[in-house]
Amino acid sequence: MAFGSGVPTVGVDALSDGDFLLDVREDDEWQAGHAAGALHLPMSEFVARYGELTEAAPQDGGQVYVLCRVGGRSAQVAQYLLQQGVDAVNVDGGMQAWEASGRPVVDDKGQPGAVV
C-alpha cells in the first residue's frame, strides 16, 4: 500500500481506536467536521506549529496517521514528517473515506459534523 511518492499509506479500514490522528485540513474544514480526538494542525501553519505535534505525538515512537480531505495534502505532510524521523502514514481517501466508512465525524462543538 503505497502512495505514488513512496509515502506509506493505509486505508481508513486499517485504523483502530487509539491510533494517533493528525488532521492537516484548514480551520473551516476542521470546524465543519473532523475525527474526534484528532490533533489539528493546518498544513498552511504546519512547519510553524510543528512543536505541537512533537508534544502530542506518541512518545513510544508510535505511528502518526495523517488525514486531509482526500489524501493529497496529508501525503505531503507525511513525507515531511518521515524526513523528520517521525513514523508517519498517509490515510488514503482522507476524511471523505472516514465519513463514507461510517466513522463518527464531529464539529468544533462536539456535535455531529460533516466533511466539507
N, C-alpha and C. Protein backbone atom coordinates (compact mmCIF):
# COMPACT_ATOMS: atom_id res chain seq x y z
N MET A 1 0.84 -1.18 0.00
CA MET A 1 0.00 0.00 0.00
C MET A 1 0.89 1.24 0.00
N ALA A 2 1.14 1.79 -1.14
CA ALA A 2 2.00 2.96 -1.19
C ALA A 2 1.38 4.03 -2.06
N PHE A 3 1.62 5.25 -1.70
CA PHE A 3 1.21 6.42 -2.48
C PHE A 3 2.27 6.62 -3.55
N GLY A 4 1.94 7.30 -4.60
CA GLY A 4 2.87 7.47 -5.70
C GLY A 4 4.23 8.00 -5.31
N SER A 5 4.30 8.80 -4.25
CA SER A 5 5.56 9.39 -3.85
C SER A 5 6.35 8.49 -2.91
N GLY A 6 5.86 7.28 -2.68
CA GLY A 6 6.57 6.38 -1.79
C GLY A 6 6.22 6.58 -0.33
N VAL A 7 5.22 7.40 -0.04
CA VAL A 7 4.79 7.61 1.34
C VAL A 7 3.95 6.42 1.78
N PRO A 8 4.24 5.84 2.96
CA PRO A 8 3.39 4.74 3.44
C PRO A 8 1.94 5.20 3.54
N THR A 9 1.04 4.37 3.06
CA THR A 9 -0.37 4.73 3.00
C THR A 9 -1.22 3.57 3.49
N VAL A 10 -2.27 3.90 4.25
CA VAL A 10 -3.24 2.89 4.68
C VAL A 10 -4.64 3.39 4.39
N GLY A 11 -5.57 2.48 4.29
CA GLY A 11 -6.96 2.84 4.16
C GLY A 11 -7.57 3.08 5.53
N VAL A 12 -8.70 3.75 5.55
CA VAL A 12 -9.40 4.04 6.80
C VAL A 12 -9.71 2.75 7.56
N ASP A 13 -10.00 1.69 6.83
CA ASP A 13 -10.36 0.42 7.48
C ASP A 13 -9.21 -0.18 8.30
N ALA A 14 -7.98 0.29 8.07
CA ALA A 14 -6.83 -0.22 8.81
C ALA A 14 -6.63 0.50 10.15
N LEU A 15 -7.37 1.58 10.36
CA LEU A 15 -7.22 2.34 11.60
C LEU A 15 -8.04 1.74 12.72
N SER A 16 -7.54 1.87 13.94
CA SER A 16 -8.28 1.37 15.09
C SER A 16 -8.37 2.46 16.16
N ASP A 17 -9.27 2.28 17.10
CA ASP A 17 -9.42 3.24 18.19
C ASP A 17 -8.09 3.37 18.90
N GLY A 18 -7.74 4.58 19.23
CA GLY A 18 -6.49 4.81 19.93
C GLY A 18 -5.34 5.18 19.01
N ASP A 19 -5.50 5.03 17.69
CA ASP A 19 -4.45 5.46 16.77
C ASP A 19 -4.33 6.98 16.84
N PHE A 20 -3.12 7.49 16.68
CA PHE A 20 -2.89 8.94 16.75
C PHE A 20 -3.17 9.55 15.39
N LEU A 21 -4.22 10.40 15.33
CA LEU A 21 -4.64 11.03 14.08
C LEU A 21 -4.21 12.49 14.05
N LEU A 22 -3.66 12.89 12.91
CA LEU A 22 -3.27 14.27 12.67
C LEU A 22 -4.04 14.78 11.47
N ASP A 23 -4.88 15.79 11.69
CA ASP A 23 -5.71 16.38 10.62
C ASP A 23 -5.03 17.65 10.16
N VAL A 24 -4.67 17.72 8.86
CA VAL A 24 -3.93 18.88 8.34
C VAL A 24 -4.79 19.78 7.46
N ARG A 25 -6.12 19.61 7.53
CA ARG A 25 -7.02 20.49 6.78
C ARG A 25 -7.06 21.88 7.40
N GLU A 26 -7.63 22.81 6.68
CA GLU A 26 -7.70 24.19 7.17
C GLU A 26 -8.82 24.34 8.21
N ASP A 27 -8.80 25.48 8.90
CA ASP A 27 -9.73 25.69 10.02
C ASP A 27 -11.20 25.50 9.66
N ASP A 28 -11.62 26.02 8.50
CA ASP A 28 -13.04 25.91 8.15
C ASP A 28 -13.44 24.46 7.93
N GLU A 29 -12.55 23.67 7.35
CA GLU A 29 -12.83 22.24 7.14
C GLU A 29 -12.91 21.51 8.48
N TRP A 30 -11.97 21.81 9.37
CA TRP A 30 -11.93 21.19 10.70
C TRP A 30 -13.20 21.50 11.48
N GLN A 31 -13.62 22.79 11.47
CA GLN A 31 -14.78 23.21 12.24
C GLN A 31 -16.05 22.52 11.76
N ALA A 32 -16.16 22.25 10.46
CA ALA A 32 -17.36 21.60 9.92
C ALA A 32 -17.44 20.14 10.32
N GLY A 33 -16.31 19.47 10.38
CA GLY A 33 -16.34 18.07 10.77
C GLY A 33 -14.97 17.42 10.76
N HIS A 34 -14.66 16.69 11.85
CA HIS A 34 -13.37 16.00 11.97
C HIS A 34 -13.54 14.75 12.83
N ALA A 35 -12.49 13.96 12.85
CA ALA A 35 -12.47 12.77 13.70
C ALA A 35 -12.25 13.20 15.14
N ALA A 36 -13.09 12.75 16.05
CA ALA A 36 -12.93 13.09 17.47
C ALA A 36 -11.56 12.62 17.94
N GLY A 37 -10.89 13.45 18.69
CA GLY A 37 -9.60 13.06 19.26
C GLY A 37 -8.41 13.35 18.36
N ALA A 38 -8.65 13.78 17.13
CA ALA A 38 -7.54 14.08 16.23
C ALA A 38 -6.86 15.37 16.65
N LEU A 39 -5.56 15.48 16.38
CA LEU A 39 -4.84 16.73 16.56
C LEU A 39 -4.98 17.53 15.27
N HIS A 40 -5.30 18.82 15.40
CA HIS A 40 -5.50 19.66 14.22
C HIS A 40 -4.33 20.63 14.06
N LEU A 41 -3.57 20.47 12.99
CA LEU A 41 -2.50 21.39 12.62
C LEU A 41 -2.64 21.65 11.13
N PRO A 42 -3.22 22.79 10.73
CA PRO A 42 -3.43 23.06 9.31
C PRO A 42 -2.11 23.01 8.53
N MET A 43 -2.15 22.45 7.33
CA MET A 43 -0.94 22.36 6.51
C MET A 43 -0.30 23.73 6.32
N SER A 44 -1.12 24.78 6.18
CA SER A 44 -0.59 26.12 5.94
C SER A 44 0.21 26.66 7.12
N GLU A 45 0.01 26.08 8.31
CA GLU A 45 0.72 26.52 9.52
C GLU A 45 1.62 25.42 10.07
N PHE A 46 1.76 24.33 9.34
CA PHE A 46 2.34 23.12 9.90
C PHE A 46 3.77 23.29 10.41
N VAL A 47 4.63 23.85 9.57
CA VAL A 47 6.03 23.96 9.97
C VAL A 47 6.17 24.87 11.20
N ALA A 48 5.42 25.97 11.22
CA ALA A 48 5.49 26.90 12.35
C ALA A 48 4.97 26.27 13.64
N ARG A 49 4.03 25.34 13.52
CA ARG A 49 3.41 24.73 14.71
C ARG A 49 3.87 23.30 14.95
N TYR A 50 4.97 22.90 14.30
CA TYR A 50 5.47 21.53 14.39
C TYR A 50 5.67 21.07 15.84
N GLY A 51 6.08 21.98 16.71
CA GLY A 51 6.31 21.63 18.11
C GLY A 51 5.08 21.08 18.80
N GLU A 52 3.89 21.52 18.36
CA GLU A 52 2.65 21.00 18.94
C GLU A 52 2.50 19.51 18.66
N LEU A 53 2.97 19.09 17.48
CA LEU A 53 2.91 17.67 17.15
C LEU A 53 3.89 16.89 18.00
N THR A 54 5.11 17.39 18.14
CA THR A 54 6.11 16.63 18.90
C THR A 54 5.70 16.49 20.35
N GLU A 55 4.96 17.47 20.88
CA GLU A 55 4.46 17.37 22.26
C GLU A 55 3.33 16.35 22.38
N ALA A 56 2.47 16.28 21.36
CA ALA A 56 1.26 15.45 21.45
C ALA A 56 1.45 14.03 20.90
N ALA A 57 2.41 13.85 20.02
CA ALA A 57 2.58 12.56 19.34
C ALA A 57 2.98 11.46 20.33
N PRO A 58 2.73 10.22 19.96
CA PRO A 58 3.09 9.10 20.83
C PRO A 58 4.58 9.13 21.16
N GLN A 59 4.90 9.12 22.44
CA GLN A 59 6.30 9.18 22.86
C GLN A 59 7.01 7.85 22.67
N ASP A 60 6.25 6.79 22.43
CA ASP A 60 6.85 5.48 22.23
C ASP A 60 7.25 5.26 20.77
N GLY A 61 7.19 6.34 19.98
CA GLY A 61 7.55 6.21 18.57
C GLY A 61 6.44 5.62 17.73
N GLY A 62 5.22 5.60 18.28
CA GLY A 62 4.09 5.05 17.53
C GLY A 62 3.80 5.85 16.27
N GLN A 63 3.00 5.26 15.42
CA GLN A 63 2.70 5.89 14.14
C GLN A 63 1.77 7.08 14.28
N VAL A 64 1.97 8.05 13.38
CA VAL A 64 1.12 9.21 13.26
C VAL A 64 0.36 9.05 11.94
N TYR A 65 -0.97 8.97 12.02
CA TYR A 65 -1.81 8.81 10.83
C TYR A 65 -2.30 10.18 10.39
N VAL A 66 -1.90 10.58 9.17
CA VAL A 66 -2.14 11.94 8.70
C VAL A 66 -3.35 11.95 7.76
N LEU A 67 -4.31 12.84 8.07
CA LEU A 67 -5.55 12.96 7.32
C LEU A 67 -5.71 14.35 6.72
N CYS A 68 -6.28 14.42 5.53
CA CYS A 68 -6.79 15.69 4.99
C CYS A 68 -8.16 15.36 4.40
N ARG A 69 -8.58 16.06 3.36
CA ARG A 69 -9.91 15.79 2.81
C ARG A 69 -9.92 14.50 2.00
N VAL A 70 -8.95 14.36 1.08
CA VAL A 70 -8.92 13.15 0.24
C VAL A 70 -7.58 12.43 0.24
N GLY A 71 -6.52 13.04 0.73
CA GLY A 71 -5.24 12.35 0.81
C GLY A 71 -4.05 13.04 0.17
N GLY A 72 -4.25 14.15 -0.53
CA GLY A 72 -3.15 14.83 -1.19
C GLY A 72 -2.28 15.65 -0.24
N ARG A 73 -2.91 16.52 0.52
CA ARG A 73 -2.15 17.34 1.49
C ARG A 73 -1.52 16.46 2.56
N SER A 74 -2.27 15.46 3.01
CA SER A 74 -1.75 14.60 4.06
C SER A 74 -0.53 13.82 3.58
N ALA A 75 -0.49 13.45 2.30
CA ALA A 75 0.69 12.76 1.75
C ALA A 75 1.91 13.67 1.83
N GLN A 76 1.72 14.95 1.53
CA GLN A 76 2.83 15.90 1.59
C GLN A 76 3.33 16.07 3.02
N VAL A 77 2.40 16.18 3.97
CA VAL A 77 2.79 16.33 5.37
C VAL A 77 3.44 15.05 5.87
N ALA A 78 2.90 13.89 5.50
CA ALA A 78 3.51 12.62 5.91
C ALA A 78 4.94 12.52 5.39
N GLN A 79 5.17 12.94 4.16
CA GLN A 79 6.51 12.93 3.59
C GLN A 79 7.45 13.81 4.42
N TYR A 80 6.99 14.99 4.78
CA TYR A 80 7.78 15.91 5.62
C TYR A 80 8.10 15.24 6.96
N LEU A 81 7.09 14.64 7.59
CA LEU A 81 7.29 14.00 8.89
C LEU A 81 8.30 12.87 8.80
N LEU A 82 8.21 12.08 7.73
CA LEU A 82 9.16 10.99 7.55
C LEU A 82 10.59 11.54 7.48
N GLN A 83 10.75 12.67 6.81
CA GLN A 83 12.07 13.30 6.72
C GLN A 83 12.56 13.79 8.08
N GLN A 84 11.63 14.05 9.01
CA GLN A 84 12.00 14.48 10.37
C GLN A 84 12.19 13.28 11.29
N GLY A 85 12.02 12.08 10.77
CA GLY A 85 12.21 10.89 11.59
C GLY A 85 10.96 10.42 12.30
N VAL A 86 9.80 10.99 11.94
CA VAL A 86 8.52 10.58 12.54
C VAL A 86 7.94 9.43 11.72
N ASP A 87 7.40 8.43 12.39
CA ASP A 87 6.78 7.28 11.72
C ASP A 87 5.38 7.69 11.27
N ALA A 88 5.32 8.36 10.11
CA ALA A 88 4.06 8.91 9.61
C ALA A 88 3.47 8.05 8.50
N VAL A 89 2.14 7.97 8.47
CA VAL A 89 1.42 7.20 7.48
C VAL A 89 0.28 8.06 6.93
N ASN A 90 0.17 8.12 5.61
CA ASN A 90 -0.92 8.86 4.97
C ASN A 90 -2.18 8.00 4.98
N VAL A 91 -3.32 8.61 5.29
CA VAL A 91 -4.60 7.90 5.26
C VAL A 91 -5.25 8.14 3.91
N ASP A 92 -5.29 7.09 3.10
CA ASP A 92 -5.84 7.17 1.75
C ASP A 92 -7.32 7.50 1.79
N GLY A 93 -7.71 8.50 0.99
CA GLY A 93 -9.10 8.90 0.95
C GLY A 93 -9.48 9.92 2.01
N GLY A 94 -8.60 10.12 2.98
CA GLY A 94 -8.78 11.15 3.99
C GLY A 94 -10.12 11.12 4.71
N MET A 95 -10.57 12.30 5.07
CA MET A 95 -11.82 12.41 5.83
C MET A 95 -13.04 12.02 5.01
N GLN A 96 -12.96 12.12 3.68
CA GLN A 96 -14.09 11.66 2.88
C GLN A 96 -14.27 10.16 3.05
N ALA A 97 -13.17 9.41 3.03
CA ALA A 97 -13.25 7.96 3.24
C ALA A 97 -13.66 7.65 4.68
N TRP A 98 -13.16 8.43 5.62
CA TRP A 98 -13.52 8.25 7.04
C TRP A 98 -15.04 8.35 7.20
N GLU A 99 -15.62 9.42 6.66
CA GLU A 99 -17.06 9.64 6.77
C GLU A 99 -17.84 8.55 6.02
N ALA A 100 -17.37 8.20 4.82
CA ALA A 100 -18.06 7.20 4.00
C ALA A 100 -18.06 5.82 4.66
N SER A 101 -17.05 5.56 5.49
CA SER A 101 -16.97 4.26 6.14
C SER A 101 -17.86 4.18 7.38
N GLY A 102 -18.54 5.31 7.70
CA GLY A 102 -19.43 5.32 8.85
C GLY A 102 -18.78 5.70 10.16
N ARG A 103 -17.53 6.13 10.09
CA ARG A 103 -16.86 6.54 11.33
C ARG A 103 -17.39 7.91 11.76
N PRO A 104 -17.40 8.17 13.06
CA PRO A 104 -18.01 9.41 13.55
C PRO A 104 -17.24 10.66 13.14
N VAL A 105 -18.00 11.69 12.80
CA VAL A 105 -17.46 13.00 12.45
C VAL A 105 -18.13 14.00 13.37
N VAL A 106 -17.32 14.84 14.04
CA VAL A 106 -17.87 15.85 14.94
C VAL A 106 -17.43 17.24 14.50
N ASP A 107 -18.25 18.25 14.87
CA ASP A 107 -17.86 19.62 14.55
C ASP A 107 -17.05 20.19 15.72
N ASP A 108 -16.71 21.47 15.63
CA ASP A 108 -15.85 22.05 16.66
C ASP A 108 -16.55 22.21 18.01
N LYS A 109 -17.85 21.93 18.08
CA LYS A 109 -18.58 21.96 19.35
C LYS A 109 -18.86 20.54 19.87
N GLY A 110 -18.32 19.54 19.17
CA GLY A 110 -18.52 18.16 19.59
C GLY A 110 -19.83 17.56 19.14
N GLN A 111 -20.55 18.27 18.30
CA GLN A 111 -21.82 17.78 17.75
C GLN A 111 -21.56 17.05 16.43
N PRO A 112 -22.52 16.25 15.94
CA PRO A 112 -22.31 15.59 14.65
C PRO A 112 -21.96 16.61 13.57
N GLY A 113 -20.92 16.29 12.82
CA GLY A 113 -20.45 17.21 11.79
C GLY A 113 -20.48 16.57 10.43
N ALA A 114 -19.89 17.27 9.46
CA ALA A 114 -19.82 16.80 8.09
C ALA A 114 -18.48 17.19 7.47
N VAL A 115 -18.04 16.38 6.54
CA VAL A 115 -16.80 16.68 5.82
C VAL A 115 -17.13 17.61 4.67
N VAL A 116 -16.42 18.76 4.62
CA VAL A 116 -16.66 19.74 3.55
C VAL A 116 -15.44 19.83 2.64
